[in-house]
Protein backbone atom coordinates (compact mmCIF):
# COMPACT_ATOMS: atom_id res chain seq x y z
CA MET A 1 -89.11 -89.98 -86.39
CA VAL A 2 -85.56 -89.84 -87.74
CA MET A 3 -84.39 -92.64 -89.97
CA ASN A 4 -81.57 -93.97 -92.03
CA CYS A 5 -82.49 -94.30 -95.67
CA PRO A 6 -83.53 -97.83 -96.69
CA THR A 7 -81.54 -99.85 -99.17
CA LEU A 8 -82.79 -100.78 -102.60
CA SER A 9 -83.47 -104.36 -101.51
CA GLU A 10 -85.72 -103.15 -98.68
CA LEU A 11 -88.05 -101.12 -100.90
CA PRO A 12 -90.92 -102.54 -102.97
CA ALA A 13 -89.90 -103.79 -106.39
CA PRO A 14 -90.14 -101.12 -109.11
CA PRO A 15 -92.91 -101.27 -111.70
CA ARG A 16 -92.23 -103.52 -114.66
CA GLY A 17 -89.90 -101.97 -117.22
CA LYS A 18 -88.47 -99.31 -114.89
CA LYS A 19 -84.67 -99.28 -114.76
CA GLY A 20 -81.88 -97.02 -113.63
CA TRP A 21 -82.13 -94.33 -110.96
CA PRO A 22 -84.13 -94.52 -108.72
CA TRP A 23 -85.68 -97.81 -109.78
CA THR A 24 -82.82 -100.31 -109.88
CA GLU A 25 -79.99 -98.09 -108.63
CA GLU A 26 -79.29 -96.44 -105.26
CA SER A 27 -76.89 -93.96 -103.69
CA PRO A 28 -74.23 -95.56 -101.48
CA GLN A 29 -75.15 -95.78 -97.81
CA LEU A 30 -73.25 -93.02 -96.04
CA PRO A 31 -71.26 -93.67 -92.83
CA ASP A 32 -72.62 -92.46 -89.50
CA ALA A 33 -70.35 -89.39 -89.51
CA MET A 34 -68.96 -87.08 -92.17
CA PRO A 35 -65.26 -87.31 -93.18
CA ASN A 36 -64.56 -84.38 -90.81
CA SER A 37 -66.10 -86.45 -87.96
CA GLN A 38 -69.06 -84.05 -87.74
CA PRO A 39 -72.54 -85.62 -87.61
CA TRP A 40 -74.57 -85.39 -90.76
CA PRO A 41 -77.05 -82.51 -90.49
CA LYS A 42 -80.64 -83.63 -90.18
CA VAL A 43 -82.52 -83.05 -93.45
CA SER A 44 -86.30 -82.62 -93.68
CA ILE A 45 -87.89 -83.09 -97.12
CA VAL A 46 -91.52 -82.19 -97.77
CA THR A 47 -93.41 -83.36 -100.86
CA PRO A 48 -96.68 -81.53 -101.64
CA SER A 49 -98.78 -83.91 -103.71
CA TYR A 50 -101.96 -83.76 -105.76
CA ASN A 51 -102.93 -86.13 -108.58
CA GLN A 52 -99.40 -86.80 -109.83
CA GLY A 53 -99.63 -90.58 -109.72
CA GLN A 54 -97.68 -90.80 -112.97
CA PHE A 55 -94.58 -89.39 -111.27
CA ILE A 56 -94.83 -89.60 -107.47
CA GLU A 57 -93.29 -93.06 -107.05
CA GLU A 58 -90.12 -91.81 -108.75
CA THR A 59 -90.17 -88.80 -106.42
CA ILE A 60 -90.48 -90.95 -103.29
CA ARG A 61 -87.81 -93.45 -104.28
CA SER A 62 -85.36 -90.68 -105.19
CA VAL A 63 -85.56 -89.42 -101.60
CA LEU A 64 -85.53 -92.76 -99.83
CA LEU A 65 -82.57 -94.10 -101.83
CA GLN A 66 -80.22 -91.23 -100.95
CA GLY A 67 -78.39 -93.46 -98.44
CA TYR A 68 -78.56 -90.55 -96.01
CA PRO A 69 -78.20 -91.27 -92.26
CA ASP A 70 -80.47 -88.58 -90.77
CA LEU A 71 -83.61 -87.95 -92.82
CA GLU A 72 -87.20 -86.86 -92.24
CA TYR A 73 -89.52 -87.37 -95.20
CA ILE A 74 -93.00 -85.85 -95.08
CA ILE A 75 -95.70 -86.08 -97.77
CA ILE A 76 -98.70 -83.75 -97.73
CA ASP A 77 -101.28 -84.95 -100.24
CA GLY A 78 -104.21 -82.67 -101.02
CA GLY A 79 -106.79 -85.44 -101.34
CA SER A 80 -105.70 -86.98 -104.64
CA THR A 81 -108.31 -88.86 -106.64
CA ASP A 82 -105.87 -90.81 -108.81
CA ASN A 83 -103.51 -93.58 -107.63
CA SER A 84 -101.21 -91.25 -105.64
CA VAL A 85 -102.43 -92.37 -102.20
CA GLU A 86 -102.07 -96.03 -103.16
CA ILE A 87 -98.45 -95.38 -104.10
CA ILE A 88 -97.75 -93.39 -100.93
CA LYS A 89 -99.09 -96.26 -98.82
CA LYS A 90 -96.57 -98.62 -100.46
CA TYR A 91 -93.79 -96.57 -98.86
CA GLU A 92 -95.44 -95.34 -95.64
CA LYS A 93 -93.23 -97.42 -93.31
CA TRP A 94 -90.27 -95.29 -94.43
CA LEU A 95 -92.09 -91.96 -94.14
CA THR A 96 -91.86 -89.72 -91.09
CA TYR A 97 -95.40 -88.45 -91.66
CA TRP A 98 -97.98 -88.34 -94.42
CA VAL A 99 -101.57 -87.26 -94.80
CA SER A 100 -104.13 -87.05 -97.59
CA GLU A 101 -106.79 -84.39 -97.07
CA PRO A 102 -108.07 -81.29 -98.90
CA ASP A 103 -105.85 -78.24 -98.54
CA ARG A 104 -105.67 -74.68 -99.86
CA GLY A 105 -103.06 -75.37 -102.52
CA GLN A 106 -99.36 -76.05 -102.88
CA SER A 107 -98.14 -73.25 -100.61
CA HIS A 108 -100.45 -74.42 -97.82
CA ALA A 109 -99.25 -78.01 -98.28
CA VAL A 110 -95.58 -77.02 -97.96
CA ASN A 111 -96.34 -74.92 -94.88
CA LYS A 112 -98.18 -77.86 -93.29
CA GLY A 113 -95.22 -80.13 -94.00
CA TYR A 114 -92.65 -77.76 -92.51
CA GLU A 115 -94.77 -77.51 -89.36
CA LYS A 116 -93.91 -81.19 -88.86
CA ALA A 117 -90.21 -80.77 -89.72
CA SER A 118 -87.38 -80.65 -87.20
CA GLY A 119 -84.26 -80.79 -89.38
CA GLU A 120 -81.40 -78.35 -89.78
CA ILE A 121 -81.90 -78.27 -93.56
CA TYR A 122 -85.29 -78.05 -95.29
CA GLY A 123 -86.18 -78.90 -98.87
CA TRP A 124 -89.41 -79.35 -100.76
CA LEU A 125 -89.70 -81.71 -103.66
CA ASN A 126 -92.84 -81.57 -105.78
CA SER A 127 -94.52 -84.85 -106.65
CA ASP A 128 -93.43 -84.62 -110.30
CA ASP A 129 -89.77 -83.85 -109.46
CA TYR A 130 -86.98 -86.12 -108.22
CA LEU A 131 -83.59 -85.91 -106.54
CA LEU A 132 -80.47 -87.18 -108.26
CA LYS A 133 -77.99 -89.60 -106.71
CA ASP A 134 -76.01 -88.23 -103.74
CA ALA A 135 -77.99 -84.98 -103.70
CA LEU A 136 -78.40 -84.89 -99.92
CA ARG A 137 -74.74 -85.70 -99.36
CA ASN A 138 -73.76 -82.76 -101.55
CA VAL A 139 -76.16 -80.45 -99.72
CA ALA A 140 -74.77 -81.54 -96.34
CA VAL A 141 -71.19 -80.83 -97.48
CA ALA A 142 -72.28 -77.36 -98.66
CA TYR A 143 -74.02 -76.77 -95.33
CA TYR A 144 -70.81 -77.36 -93.37
CA ALA A 145 -68.76 -75.33 -95.86
CA ALA A 146 -71.08 -72.31 -95.48
CA PRO A 147 -73.02 -72.78 -92.24
CA LYS A 148 -74.18 -69.16 -92.06
CA ALA A 149 -75.88 -69.23 -95.47
CA GLY A 150 -79.65 -69.10 -95.58
CA ALA A 151 -79.87 -71.47 -98.55
CA TRP A 152 -77.81 -73.58 -100.93
CA VAL A 153 -78.75 -74.15 -104.58
CA GLY A 154 -77.35 -76.44 -107.26
CA GLY A 155 -78.06 -77.31 -110.87
CA CYS A 156 -81.38 -78.74 -112.00
CA LEU A 157 -82.29 -80.90 -114.98
CA GLU A 158 -85.38 -80.14 -117.02
CA VAL A 159 -86.71 -83.44 -118.39
CA ASP A 160 -89.67 -84.56 -120.49
CA GLU A 161 -92.29 -87.11 -119.46
CA ASN A 162 -89.95 -89.95 -120.44
CA GLY A 163 -87.02 -88.60 -118.44
CA ASN A 164 -85.06 -87.31 -121.44
CA THR A 165 -82.97 -84.25 -120.55
CA LEU A 166 -84.11 -81.05 -122.26
CA ARG A 167 -81.66 -78.64 -120.62
CA ILE A 168 -79.82 -77.86 -117.39
CA HIS A 169 -80.67 -74.86 -115.21
CA TRP A 170 -77.72 -73.41 -113.28
CA PRO A 171 -77.99 -70.53 -110.84
CA LYS A 172 -76.48 -67.35 -112.28
CA ARG A 173 -76.58 -64.49 -109.79
CA LEU A 174 -77.52 -65.35 -106.21
CA ASP A 175 -77.39 -61.86 -104.73
CA VAL A 176 -80.63 -59.98 -104.07
CA GLU A 177 -80.56 -57.98 -107.32
CA GLY A 178 -79.79 -61.07 -109.37
CA ILE A 179 -82.65 -63.06 -107.87
CA ALA A 180 -85.01 -60.07 -108.27
CA GLY A 181 -84.57 -60.41 -112.05
CA TRP A 182 -86.11 -63.88 -111.79
CA LEU A 183 -87.45 -64.25 -115.34
CA GLY A 184 -83.92 -64.08 -116.72
CA ASN A 185 -82.13 -65.60 -113.75
CA SER A 186 -84.29 -68.36 -112.30
CA PHE A 187 -83.04 -71.65 -110.86
CA GLY A 188 -84.70 -74.97 -110.07
CA GLN A 189 -86.78 -74.85 -106.90
CA SER A 190 -86.21 -78.57 -106.31
CA SER A 191 -82.44 -77.92 -106.18
CA CYS A 192 -82.67 -75.22 -103.49
CA PHE A 193 -82.37 -76.20 -99.82
CA ILE A 194 -82.80 -73.75 -96.95
CA SER A 195 -81.66 -73.64 -93.35
CA ALA A 196 -84.22 -74.13 -90.60
CA LYS A 197 -83.23 -70.69 -89.30
CA ALA A 198 -83.98 -69.13 -92.69
CA TRP A 199 -87.43 -70.71 -92.68
CA GLN A 200 -88.10 -69.42 -89.18
CA GLN A 201 -87.08 -65.92 -90.26
CA CYS A 202 -88.50 -65.79 -93.80
CA GLY A 203 -91.34 -68.35 -93.90
CA PRO A 204 -94.04 -69.43 -94.21
CA LEU A 205 -94.95 -69.37 -97.90
CA GLU A 206 -97.67 -66.87 -98.73
CA GLU A 207 -100.73 -69.01 -99.46
CA GLY A 208 -102.18 -66.41 -101.83
CA LEU A 209 -99.32 -67.14 -104.23
CA HIS A 210 -99.79 -70.21 -106.44
CA TYR A 211 -97.05 -69.93 -109.08
CA ALA A 212 -94.12 -67.88 -107.73
CA MET A 213 -94.17 -68.57 -104.00
CA ASP A 214 -90.62 -69.91 -104.23
CA PHE A 215 -89.39 -66.68 -105.85
CA ASP A 216 -90.90 -64.68 -102.99
CA LEU A 217 -89.16 -66.92 -100.43
CA TRP A 218 -85.76 -66.78 -102.16
CA LEU A 219 -85.92 -62.96 -102.24
CA LYS A 220 -86.70 -62.85 -98.52
CA ILE A 221 -83.83 -65.22 -97.72
CA ALA A 222 -81.34 -63.33 -99.94
CA LYS A 223 -82.25 -60.11 -98.12
CA TRP A 224 -81.91 -61.75 -94.70
CA SER A 225 -78.75 -63.82 -95.28
CA SER A 226 -77.15 -65.30 -98.39
CA ILE A 227 -77.72 -68.07 -100.90
CA ASP A 228 -74.66 -70.16 -101.81
CA GLU A 229 -74.10 -72.16 -104.97
CA ILE A 230 -73.46 -75.91 -105.11
CA ARG A 231 -71.60 -76.96 -108.25
CA GLN A 232 -73.46 -80.24 -108.66
CA ILE A 233 -76.79 -81.08 -110.30
CA LEU A 234 -79.10 -82.00 -107.45
CA SER A 235 -82.53 -82.67 -108.93
CA ALA A 236 -84.75 -82.86 -111.99
CA PHE A 237 -88.20 -81.53 -112.78
CA HIS A 238 -90.60 -82.86 -115.38
CA VAL A 239 -92.15 -80.73 -118.09
CA HIS A 240 -95.51 -82.22 -119.09
CA LYS A 241 -98.97 -81.14 -120.22
CA ASN A 242 -100.13 -80.48 -116.65
CA THR A 243 -97.04 -78.59 -115.44
CA LYS A 244 -98.56 -75.62 -113.62
CA THR A 245 -95.99 -72.97 -114.46
CA TYR A 246 -96.12 -73.86 -118.17
CA THR A 247 -99.89 -74.18 -118.62
CA ASN A 248 -100.45 -70.93 -116.71
CA SER A 249 -97.35 -68.98 -117.68
CA GLY A 250 -99.26 -65.69 -117.92
CA ARG A 251 -100.47 -65.93 -114.33
CA MET A 252 -97.00 -66.94 -113.20
CA VAL A 253 -95.45 -63.86 -114.81
CA ALA A 254 -98.15 -61.68 -113.25
CA GLU A 255 -97.30 -63.05 -109.79
CA ILE A 256 -93.61 -62.48 -110.39
CA ASN A 257 -94.32 -58.85 -111.33
CA VAL A 258 -96.41 -58.35 -108.18
CA ILE A 259 -93.65 -59.85 -106.00
CA GLN A 260 -91.02 -57.65 -107.65
CA ILE A 261 -93.09 -54.56 -106.89
CA ARG A 262 -93.65 -55.67 -103.26
CA HIS A 263 -89.92 -56.07 -102.77
CA GLY A 264 -89.09 -52.66 -104.25
CA TYR A 265 -88.16 -53.70 -107.79
CA GLU A 266 -90.85 -51.79 -109.69
CA SER A 267 -88.48 -50.97 -112.55
CA LEU A 268 -87.83 -54.67 -113.24
CA ALA A 269 -91.55 -55.40 -113.23
CA ILE A 270 -92.33 -52.50 -115.55
CA GLU A 271 -89.49 -53.48 -117.89
CA LYS A 272 -90.78 -57.04 -118.23
CA MET A 273 -94.41 -55.95 -118.61
CA SER A 274 -93.35 -53.50 -121.32
CA GLN A 275 -91.43 -56.24 -123.12
CA TRP A 276 -94.46 -58.54 -123.06
CA MET A 277 -96.74 -55.72 -124.25
CA ASN A 278 -94.41 -54.95 -127.16
CA GLU A 279 -94.36 -58.62 -128.11
CA TYR A 280 -98.17 -58.71 -127.96
CA VAL A 281 -98.49 -55.61 -130.18
CA GLU A 282 -96.04 -57.05 -132.71
CA LEU A 283 -97.96 -60.35 -132.79
CA ARG A 284 -101.21 -58.44 -133.33
CA ARG A 285 -99.68 -56.53 -136.26
CA LYS A 286 -98.43 -59.73 -137.88
CA LEU A 287 -101.81 -61.40 -137.53
CA ASP A 288 -103.60 -58.34 -138.89
CA ARG A 289 -101.34 -58.35 -141.95
CA LEU A 290 -101.86 -62.09 -142.35
CA PHE A 291 -105.64 -61.84 -142.23
CA ARG A 292 -105.70 -59.07 -144.88
CA PHE A 293 -104.04 -61.41 -147.39
CA PRO A 294 -106.67 -62.46 -150.04
CA LEU A 295 -106.18 -66.19 -149.42
CA TYR A 296 -107.52 -65.78 -145.89
CA ARG A 297 -110.71 -63.87 -146.78
CA LEU A 298 -112.62 -67.14 -146.82
CA ILE A 299 -111.63 -67.99 -143.25
CA ARG A 300 -111.69 -64.45 -141.85
CA PRO A 301 -114.98 -65.03 -139.90
CA ILE A 302 -113.46 -68.09 -138.20
CA ALA A 303 -110.23 -66.20 -137.52
CA ARG A 304 -112.17 -63.41 -135.81
CA VAL A 305 -113.83 -65.91 -133.46
CA VAL A 306 -110.48 -67.53 -132.63
CA TRP A 307 -108.86 -64.15 -132.10
CA LYS A 308 -111.61 -63.07 -129.65
CA LYS A 309 -111.08 -66.27 -127.65
CA LEU A 310 -107.33 -65.62 -127.51
CA LEU A 311 -108.00 -62.15 -126.13
């Protein structure tokens, strides 16, 4: 099912106290054709969801209020046990497809969603992220400006649980070598949109990857085609206590190193692992010196227990 985005007045009222985008504001409804008389490219957005009821309504509204004329919106929920499904049902009449059932993780959920997609441009938006105003319009303009690109990426806000901006992530180098150095050159996944052809050539996501599956996909696309920059901020992602890549940063870095090695960038992986090892050794030295100080002799037994748990 293809649809025009609903207007603000058509959607359910926002929760009490919620104001601004995308609660009481909307993107302008776009005309049926672009200024160059070309039809708007069909955009398919997939949201993988699991127990993010605190954020998912903002995610959904940020997609539906884009004012975009040719949209598919698909939500793949992994069997949430919080209020996520209740929120999804509030908006189901504007969804192309949704399901709530156990899955094998985020990568599997995105793959399932893209199996249902039929657009020319694909994007995935996690259930604790949201699009900014006019994001899809800006992506469509970039698509027609560089139709042979495999992907288009813009800026991304990093925000706290209350929506306060912490920093802005801009893409730096979008060639293969630049993307391969991901830990010093990453960009926001929610601000990267790919062509259907790129997905057919470089997808699906590897389901064994749980933290850096996007990095693996971007490398494959950059090798196959190109990734172009959009000079607008397209989305925002929340940093909170359950953010996967922050609570499991060690595992994320390990996956990145494995992907770098798979793609022939062993030197980058070794360099980063060496840097982390040096930082670990220096931390160990500092702690050893600290625990030899006489003031800490009384708590040394406790410190040893804590240190063993950290190891």
